[in-house]
PDB file of all heavy atoms in Angstrom:
ATOM      1  N   SER A   1    -100.386 -89.727 -52.505  1.00  0.00           N
ATOM      2  CA  SER A   1     -99.624 -89.546 -51.337  1.00  0.00           C
ATOM      3  C   SER A   1     -98.396 -88.971 -51.458  1.00  0.00           C
ATOM      4  O   SER A   1     -98.028 -88.568 -52.564  1.00  0.00           O
ATOM      5  CB  SER A   1     -99.468 -91.073 -50.608  1.00  0.00           C
ATOM      6  OG  SER A   1     -98.480 -91.659 -51.402  1.00  0.00           O
ATOM      7  N   TYR A   2     -97.687 -88.626 -50.393  1.00  0.00           N
ATOM      8  CA  TYR A   2     -96.513 -88.015 -50.408  1.00  0.00           C
ATOM      9  C   TYR A   2     -95.399 -88.904 -49.958  1.00  0.00           C
ATOM     10  O   TYR A   2     -95.573 -89.669 -49.088  1.00  0.00           O
ATOM     11  CB  TYR A   2     -96.459 -86.655 -49.477  1.00  0.00           C
ATOM     12  CG  TYR A   2     -97.218 -85.436 -50.091  1.00  0.00           C
ATOM     13  CD1 TYR A   2     -98.546 -85.428 -50.196  1.00  0.00           C
ATOM     14  CD2 TYR A   2     -96.441 -84.444 -50.704  1.00  0.00           C
ATOM     15  CE1 TYR A   2     -99.163 -84.372 -50.603  1.00  0.00           C
ATOM     16  CE2 TYR A   2     -97.164 -83.316 -51.218  1.00  0.00           C
ATOM     17  CZ  TYR A   2     -98.460 -83.257 -51.306  1.00  0.00           C
ATOM     18  OH  TYR A   2     -99.135 -82.226 -51.768  1.00  0.00           O
ATOM     19  N   THR A   3     -94.167 -88.765 -50.517  1.00  0.00           N
ATOM     20  CA  THR A   3     -93.002 -89.446 -50.113  1.00  0.00           C
ATOM     21  C   THR A   3     -91.951 -88.317 -49.681  1.00  0.00           C
ATOM     22  O   THR A   3     -91.741 -87.502 -50.559  1.00  0.00           O
ATOM     23  CB  THR A   3     -92.417 -90.417 -51.138  1.00  0.00           C
ATOM     24  OG1 THR A   3     -93.453 -91.389 -51.332  1.00  0.00           O
ATOM     25  CG2 THR A   3     -91.073 -91.061 -50.663  1.00  0.00           C
ATOM     26  N   VAL A   4     -91.324 -88.473 -48.632  1.00  0.00           N
ATOM     27  CA  VAL A   4     -90.280 -87.591 -48.245  1.00  0.00           C
ATOM     28  C   VAL A   4     -88.960 -88.411 -48.085  1.00  0.00           C
ATOM     29  O   VAL A   4     -88.945 -89.511 -47.697  1.00  0.00           O
ATOM     30  CB  VAL A   4     -90.449 -86.766 -46.911  1.00  0.00           C
ATOM     31  CG1 VAL A   4     -91.655 -85.824 -47.182  1.00  0.00           C
ATOM     32  CG2 VAL A   4     -90.670 -87.633 -45.777  1.00  0.00           C
ATOM     33  N   GLN A   5     -87.899 -87.889 -48.516  1.00  0.00           N
ATOM     34  CA  GLN A   5     -86.550 -88.357 -48.293  1.00  0.00           C
ATOM     35  C   GLN A   5     -86.020 -87.689 -47.061  1.00  0.00           C
ATOM     36  O   GLN A   5     -86.190 -86.538 -46.744  1.00  0.00           O
ATOM     37  CB  GLN A   5     -85.589 -87.942 -49.498  1.00  0.00           C
ATOM     38  CG  GLN A   5     -85.971 -88.549 -50.707  1.00  0.00           C
ATOM     39  CD  GLN A   5     -86.169 -90.060 -50.791  1.00  0.00           C
ATOM     40  OE1 GLN A   5     -85.175 -90.829 -50.337  1.00  0.00           O
ATOM     41  NE2 GLN A   5     -87.188 -90.639 -51.318  1.00  0.00           N
ATOM     42  N   VAL A   6     -85.581 -88.644 -46.135  1.00  0.00           N
ATOM     43  CA  VAL A   6     -85.355 -88.085 -44.675  1.00  0.00           C
ATOM     44  C   VAL A   6     -83.864 -88.545 -44.477  1.00  0.00           C
ATOM     45  O   VAL A   6     -83.409 -89.694 -44.730  1.00  0.00           O
ATOM     46  CB  VAL A   6     -86.107 -88.752 -43.733  1.00  0.00           C
ATOM     47  CG1 VAL A   6     -85.720 -88.282 -42.338  1.00  0.00           C
ATOM     48  CG2 VAL A   6     -87.612 -88.399 -43.985  1.00  0.00           C
ATOM     49  N   LYS A   7     -83.073 -87.428 -43.919  1.00  0.00           N
ATOM     50  CA  LYS A   7     -81.798 -87.811 -43.632  1.00  0.00           C
ATOM     51  C   LYS A   7     -81.603 -88.011 -42.136  1.00  0.00           C
ATOM     52  O   LYS A   7     -82.135 -87.254 -41.231  1.00  0.00           O
ATOM     53  CB  LYS A   7     -80.850 -86.506 -43.945  1.00  0.00           C
ATOM     54  CG  LYS A   7     -79.469 -86.477 -43.409  1.00  0.00           C
ATOM     55  CD  LYS A   7     -78.733 -85.105 -43.518  1.00  0.00           C
ATOM     56  CE  LYS A   7     -77.416 -85.169 -42.960  1.00  0.00           C
ATOM     57  NZ  LYS A   7     -76.552 -84.040 -43.286  1.00  0.00           N
ATOM     58  N   HIS A   8     -80.982 -89.056 -41.742  1.00  0.00           N
ATOM     59  CA  HIS A   8     -80.680 -89.518 -40.407  1.00  0.00           C
ATOM     60  C   HIS A   8     -79.285 -89.474 -40.039  1.00  0.00           C
ATOM     61  O   HIS A   8     -78.944 -89.051 -38.933  1.00  0.00           O
ATOM     62  CB  HIS A   8     -81.344 -90.894 -40.022  1.00  0.00           C
ATOM     63  CG  HIS A   8     -82.708 -91.002 -40.240  1.00  0.00           C
ATOM     64  ND1 HIS A   8     -83.333 -91.318 -41.527  1.00  0.00           N
ATOM     65  CD2 HIS A   8     -83.743 -90.869 -39.472  1.00  0.00           C
ATOM     66  CE1 HIS A   8     -84.618 -91.354 -41.406  1.00  0.00           C
ATOM     67  NE2 HIS A   8     -84.915 -91.047 -40.063  1.00  0.00           N
ATOM     68  N   CYS A   9     -78.445 -90.020 -40.874  1.00  0.00           N
ATOM     69  CA  CYS A   9     -77.068 -90.090 -40.755  1.00  0.00           C
ATOM     70  C   CYS A   9     -76.293 -88.777 -41.013  1.00  0.00           C
ATOM     71  O   CYS A   9     -76.701 -88.018 -41.987  1.00  0.00           O
ATOM     72  CB  CYS A   9     -76.456 -91.209 -41.618  1.00  0.00           C
ATOM     73  SG  CYS A   9     -77.049 -92.724 -41.153  1.00  0.00           S
ATOM     74  N   PRO A  10     -75.297 -88.375 -40.217  1.00  0.00           N
ATOM     75  CA  PRO A  10     -74.580 -87.084 -40.389  1.00  0.00           C
ATOM     76  C   PRO A  10     -74.056 -86.793 -41.744  1.00  0.00           C
ATOM     77  O   PRO A  10     -74.151 -85.719 -42.279  1.00  0.00           O
ATOM     78  CB  PRO A  10     -73.535 -87.002 -39.334  1.00  0.00           C
ATOM     79  CG  PRO A  10     -73.835 -88.118 -38.389  1.00  0.00           C
ATOM     80  CD  PRO A  10     -74.755 -89.178 -39.060  1.00  0.00           C
ATOM     81  N   ASN A  11     -73.437 -87.994 -42.449  1.00  0.00           N
ATOM     82  CA  ASN A  11     -72.828 -87.684 -43.705  1.00  0.00           C
ATOM     83  C   ASN A  11     -73.596 -88.210 -44.891  1.00  0.00           C
ATOM     84  O   ASN A  11     -73.071 -88.538 -45.934  1.00  0.00           O
ATOM     85  CB  ASN A  11     -71.423 -88.454 -43.635  1.00  0.00           C
ATOM     86  CG  ASN A  11     -70.559 -87.869 -42.705  1.00  0.00           C
ATOM     87  OD1 ASN A  11     -70.546 -86.616 -42.413  1.00  0.00           O
ATOM     88  ND2 ASN A  11     -69.771 -88.724 -41.921  1.00  0.00           N
ATOM     89  N   SER A  12     -74.912 -88.207 -44.818  1.00  0.00           N
ATOM     90  CA  SER A  12     -75.756 -88.659 -45.912  1.00  0.00           C
ATOM     91  C   SER A  12     -76.645 -87.421 -46.498  1.00  0.00           C
ATOM     92  O   SER A  12     -76.741 -86.374 -45.716  1.00  0.00           O
ATOM     93  CB  SER A  12     -76.700 -89.690 -45.449  1.00  0.00           C
ATOM     94  OG  SER A  12     -77.720 -89.268 -44.694  1.00  0.00           O
ATOM     95  N   ILE A  13     -77.118 -87.546 -47.641  1.00  0.00           N
ATOM     96  CA  ILE A  13     -78.020 -86.720 -48.159  1.00  0.00           C
ATOM     97  C   ILE A  13     -79.457 -87.064 -47.797  1.00  0.00           C
ATOM     98  O   ILE A  13     -80.330 -86.377 -47.458  1.00  0.00           O
ATOM     99  CB  ILE A  13     -77.900 -86.504 -49.827  1.00  0.00           C
ATOM    100  CG1 ILE A  13     -76.517 -85.901 -50.052  1.00  0.00           C
ATOM    101  CG2 ILE A  13     -78.962 -85.742 -50.293  1.00  0.00           C
ATOM    102  CD1 ILE A  13     -76.113 -85.929 -51.448  1.00  0.00           C
ATOM    103  N   SER A  14     -79.668 -88.385 -48.049  1.00  0.00           N
ATOM    104  CA  SER A  14     -80.949 -89.021 -47.729  1.00  0.00           C
ATOM    105  C   SER A  14     -80.607 -90.635 -47.378  1.00  0.00           C
ATOM    106  O   SER A  14     -79.958 -91.060 -48.227  1.00  0.00           O
ATOM    107  CB  SER A  14     -81.906 -88.880 -48.833  1.00  0.00           C
ATOM    108  OG  SER A  14     -82.966 -89.714 -48.546  1.00  0.00           O
ATOM    109  N   ASP A  15     -81.228 -91.022 -46.393  1.00  0.00           N
ATOM    110  CA  ASP A  15     -81.117 -92.511 -46.243  1.00  0.00           C
ATOM    111  C   ASP A  15     -82.537 -93.197 -46.011  1.00  0.00           C
ATOM    112  O   ASP A  15     -82.474 -94.499 -45.741  1.00  0.00           O
ATOM    113  CB  ASP A  15     -80.199 -92.702 -45.041  1.00  0.00           C
ATOM    114  CG  ASP A  15     -80.225 -91.822 -43.945  1.00  0.00           C
ATOM    115  OD1 ASP A  15     -81.346 -91.638 -43.393  1.00  0.00           O
ATOM    116  OD2 ASP A  15     -79.263 -91.285 -43.539  1.00  0.00           O
ATOM    117  N   ALA A  16     -83.436 -92.469 -46.148  1.00  0.00           N
ATOM    118  CA  ALA A  16     -84.874 -93.035 -45.861  1.00  0.00           C
ATOM    119  C   ALA A  16     -85.831 -92.508 -46.869  1.00  0.00           C
ATOM    120  O   ALA A  16     -85.936 -91.298 -47.025  1.00  0.00           O
ATOM    121  CB  ALA A  16     -85.260 -93.061 -44.581  1.00  0.00           C
ATOM    122  N   GLY A  17     -86.605 -93.384 -47.433  1.00  0.00           N
ATOM    123  CA  GLY A  17     -87.880 -92.899 -48.255  1.00  0.00           C
ATOM    124  C   GLY A  17     -89.004 -93.226 -47.392  1.00  0.00           C
ATOM    125  O   GLY A  17     -89.290 -94.396 -47.106  1.00  0.00           O
ATOM    126  N   VAL A  18     -89.730 -92.177 -46.947  1.00  0.00           N
ATOM    127  CA  VAL A  18     -90.841 -92.249 -46.173  1.00  0.00           C
ATOM    128  C   VAL A  18     -92.182 -91.942 -46.852  1.00  0.00           C
ATOM    129  O   VAL A  18     -92.360 -90.787 -47.232  1.00  0.00           O
ATOM    130  CB  VAL A  18     -90.670 -91.383 -44.827  1.00  0.00           C
ATOM    131  CG1 VAL A  18     -91.953 -91.577 -43.876  1.00  0.00           C
ATOM    132  CG2 VAL A  18     -89.501 -91.751 -44.088  1.00  0.00           C
ATOM    133  N   THR A  19     -93.037 -92.937 -47.042  1.00  0.00           N
ATOM    134  CA  THR A  19     -94.314 -92.693 -47.806  1.00  0.00           C
ATOM    135  C   THR A  19     -95.496 -92.556 -46.750  1.00  0.00           C
ATOM    136  O   THR A  19     -95.705 -93.444 -46.049  1.00  0.00           O
ATOM    137  CB  THR A  19     -94.565 -93.704 -48.862  1.00  0.00           C
ATOM    138  OG1 THR A  19     -93.526 -93.757 -49.744  1.00  0.00           O
ATOM    139  CG2 THR A  19     -95.816 -93.413 -49.644  1.00  0.00           C
ATOM    140  N   PHE A  20     -96.137 -91.518 -46.869  1.00  0.00           N
ATOM    141  CA  PHE A  20     -97.264 -91.196 -45.927  1.00  0.00           C
ATOM    142  C   PHE A  20     -98.561 -91.791 -46.436  1.00  0.00           C
ATOM    143  O   PHE A  20     -98.768 -91.747 -47.626  1.00  0.00           O
ATOM    144  CB  PHE A  20     -97.320 -89.678 -45.636  1.00  0.00           C
ATOM    145  CG  PHE A  20     -96.143 -89.111 -44.917  1.00  0.00           C
ATOM    146  CD1 PHE A  20     -95.153 -88.508 -45.563  1.00  0.00           C
ATOM    147  CD2 PHE A  20     -95.965 -89.384 -43.478  1.00  0.00           C
ATOM    148  CE1 PHE A  20     -93.988 -87.993 -44.948  1.00  0.00           C
ATOM    149  CE2 PHE A  20     -94.995 -88.944 -42.931  1.00  0.00           C
ATOM    150  CZ  PHE A  20     -93.988 -88.221 -43.512  1.00  0.00           C
ATOM    151  N   LYS A  21     -99.379 -92.134 -45.521  1.00  0.00           N
ATOM    152  CA  LYS A  21    -100.685 -92.491 -45.831  1.00  0.00           C
ATOM    153  C   LYS A  21    -101.453 -91.439 -46.415  1.00  0.00           C
ATOM    154  O   LYS A  21    -101.208 -90.242 -46.185  1.00  0.00           O
ATOM    155  CB  LYS A  21    -101.516 -93.011 -44.531  1.00  0.00           C
ATOM    156  CG  LYS A  21    -100.823 -94.119 -43.845  1.00  0.00           C
ATOM    157  CD  LYS A  21    -101.734 -94.493 -42.661  1.00  0.00           C
ATOM    158  CE  LYS A  21    -101.646 -93.478 -41.455  1.00  0.00           C
ATOM    159  NZ  LYS A  21    -102.330 -93.908 -40.299  1.00  0.00           N
ATOM    160  N   PRO A  22    -102.398 -91.701 -47.475  1.00  0.00           N
ATOM    161  CA  PRO A  22    -103.133 -90.605 -47.927  1.00  0.00           C
ATOM    162  C   PRO A  22    -103.875 -89.650 -47.203  1.00  0.00           C
ATOM    163  O   PRO A  22    -104.102 -88.538 -47.367  1.00  0.00           O
ATOM    164  CB  PRO A  22    -104.219 -91.277 -48.892  1.00  0.00           C
ATOM    165  CG  PRO A  22    -103.505 -92.591 -49.312  1.00  0.00           C
ATOM    166  CD  PRO A  22    -102.710 -93.041 -48.011  1.00  0.00           C
ATOM    167  N   SER A  23    -104.176 -90.195 -45.868  1.00  0.00           N
ATOM    168  CA  SER A  23    -104.898 -89.411 -44.964  1.00  0.00           C
ATOM    169  C   SER A  23    -104.024 -88.246 -44.452  1.00  0.00           C
ATOM    170  O   SER A  23    -104.476 -87.443 -43.830  1.00  0.00           O
ATOM    171  CB  SER A  23    -105.449 -90.148 -43.798  1.00  0.00           C
ATOM    172  OG  SER A  23    -104.343 -90.809 -43.015  1.00  0.00           O
ATOM    173  N   GLN A  24    -102.656 -88.309 -44.704  1.00  0.00           N
ATOM    174  CA  GLN A  24    -101.712 -87.345 -44.234  1.00  0.00           C
ATOM    175  C   GLN A  24    -101.355 -86.322 -45.274  1.00  0.00           C
ATOM    176  O   GLN A  24    -100.462 -85.512 -45.088  1.00  0.00           O
ATOM    177  CB  GLN A  24    -100.351 -88.096 -43.859  1.00  0.00           C
ATOM    178  CG  GLN A  24    -100.585 -89.059 -42.685  1.00  0.00           C
ATOM    179  CD  GLN A  24    -100.672 -88.243 -41.338  1.00  0.00           C
ATOM    180  OE1 GLN A  24     -99.831 -87.587 -41.041  1.00  0.00           O
ATOM    181  NE2 GLN A  24    -101.846 -88.411 -40.737  1.00  0.00           N
ATOM    182  N   ASN A  25    -102.070 -86.383 -46.446  1.00  0.00           N
ATOM    183  CA  ASN A  25    -101.819 -85.589 -47.511  1.00  0.00           C
ATOM    184  C   ASN A  25    -101.775 -84.047 -47.139  1.00  0.00           C
ATOM    185  O   ASN A  25    -101.081 -83.329 -47.683  1.00  0.00           O
ATOM    186  CB  ASN A  25    -102.664 -85.779 -48.739  1.00  0.00           C
ATOM    187  CG  ASN A  25    -102.264 -86.979 -49.513  1.00  0.00           C
ATOM    188  OD1 ASN A  25    -101.294 -87.596 -49.303  1.00  0.00           O
ATOM    189  ND2 ASN A  25    -103.074 -87.343 -50.454  1.00  0.00           N
ATOM    190  N   GLU A  26    -102.771 -83.608 -46.368  1.00  0.00           N
ATOM    191  CA  GLU A  26    -102.906 -82.112 -46.043  1.00  0.00           C
ATOM    192  C   GLU A  26    -101.692 -81.721 -45.283  1.00  0.00           C
ATOM    193  O   GLU A  26    -101.007 -80.705 -45.620  1.00  0.00           O
ATOM    194  CB  GLU A  26    -104.183 -81.838 -45.393  1.00  0.00           C
ATOM    195  CG  GLU A  26    -104.284 -80.403 -45.179  1.00  0.00           C
ATOM    196  CD  GLU A  26    -105.720 -80.046 -44.447  1.00  0.00           C
ATOM    197  OE1 GLU A  26    -106.690 -80.989 -44.438  1.00  0.00           O
ATOM    198  OE2 GLU A  26    -105.818 -78.978 -43.867  1.00  0.00           O
ATOM    199  N   ALA A  27    -101.331 -82.361 -44.205  1.00  0.00           N
ATOM    200  CA  ALA A  27    -100.146 -82.171 -43.414  1.00  0.00           C
ATOM    201  C   ALA A  27     -98.790 -82.236 -44.209  1.00  0.00           C
ATOM    202  O   ALA A  27     -98.009 -81.478 -44.158  1.00  0.00           O
ATOM    203  CB  ALA A  27    -100.138 -83.074 -42.158  1.00  0.00           C
ATOM    204  N   ALA A  28     -98.779 -83.230 -45.044  1.00  0.00           N
ATOM    205  CA  ALA A  28     -97.544 -83.568 -45.792  1.00  0.00           C
ATOM    206  C   ALA A  28     -97.348 -82.395 -46.862  1.00  0.00           C
ATOM    207  O   ALA A  28     -96.192 -82.112 -47.245  1.00  0.00           O
ATOM    208  CB  ALA A  28     -97.517 -85.116 -46.424  1.00  0.00           C
TER     209      ALA A  28
END
């Protein structure tokens, strides 16, 4: 699967690790 680091807060580099289901691999 894929994991993306996502920034939500203005002063962060990344504040969330989002791991997608394997069925999302093509889109991810």
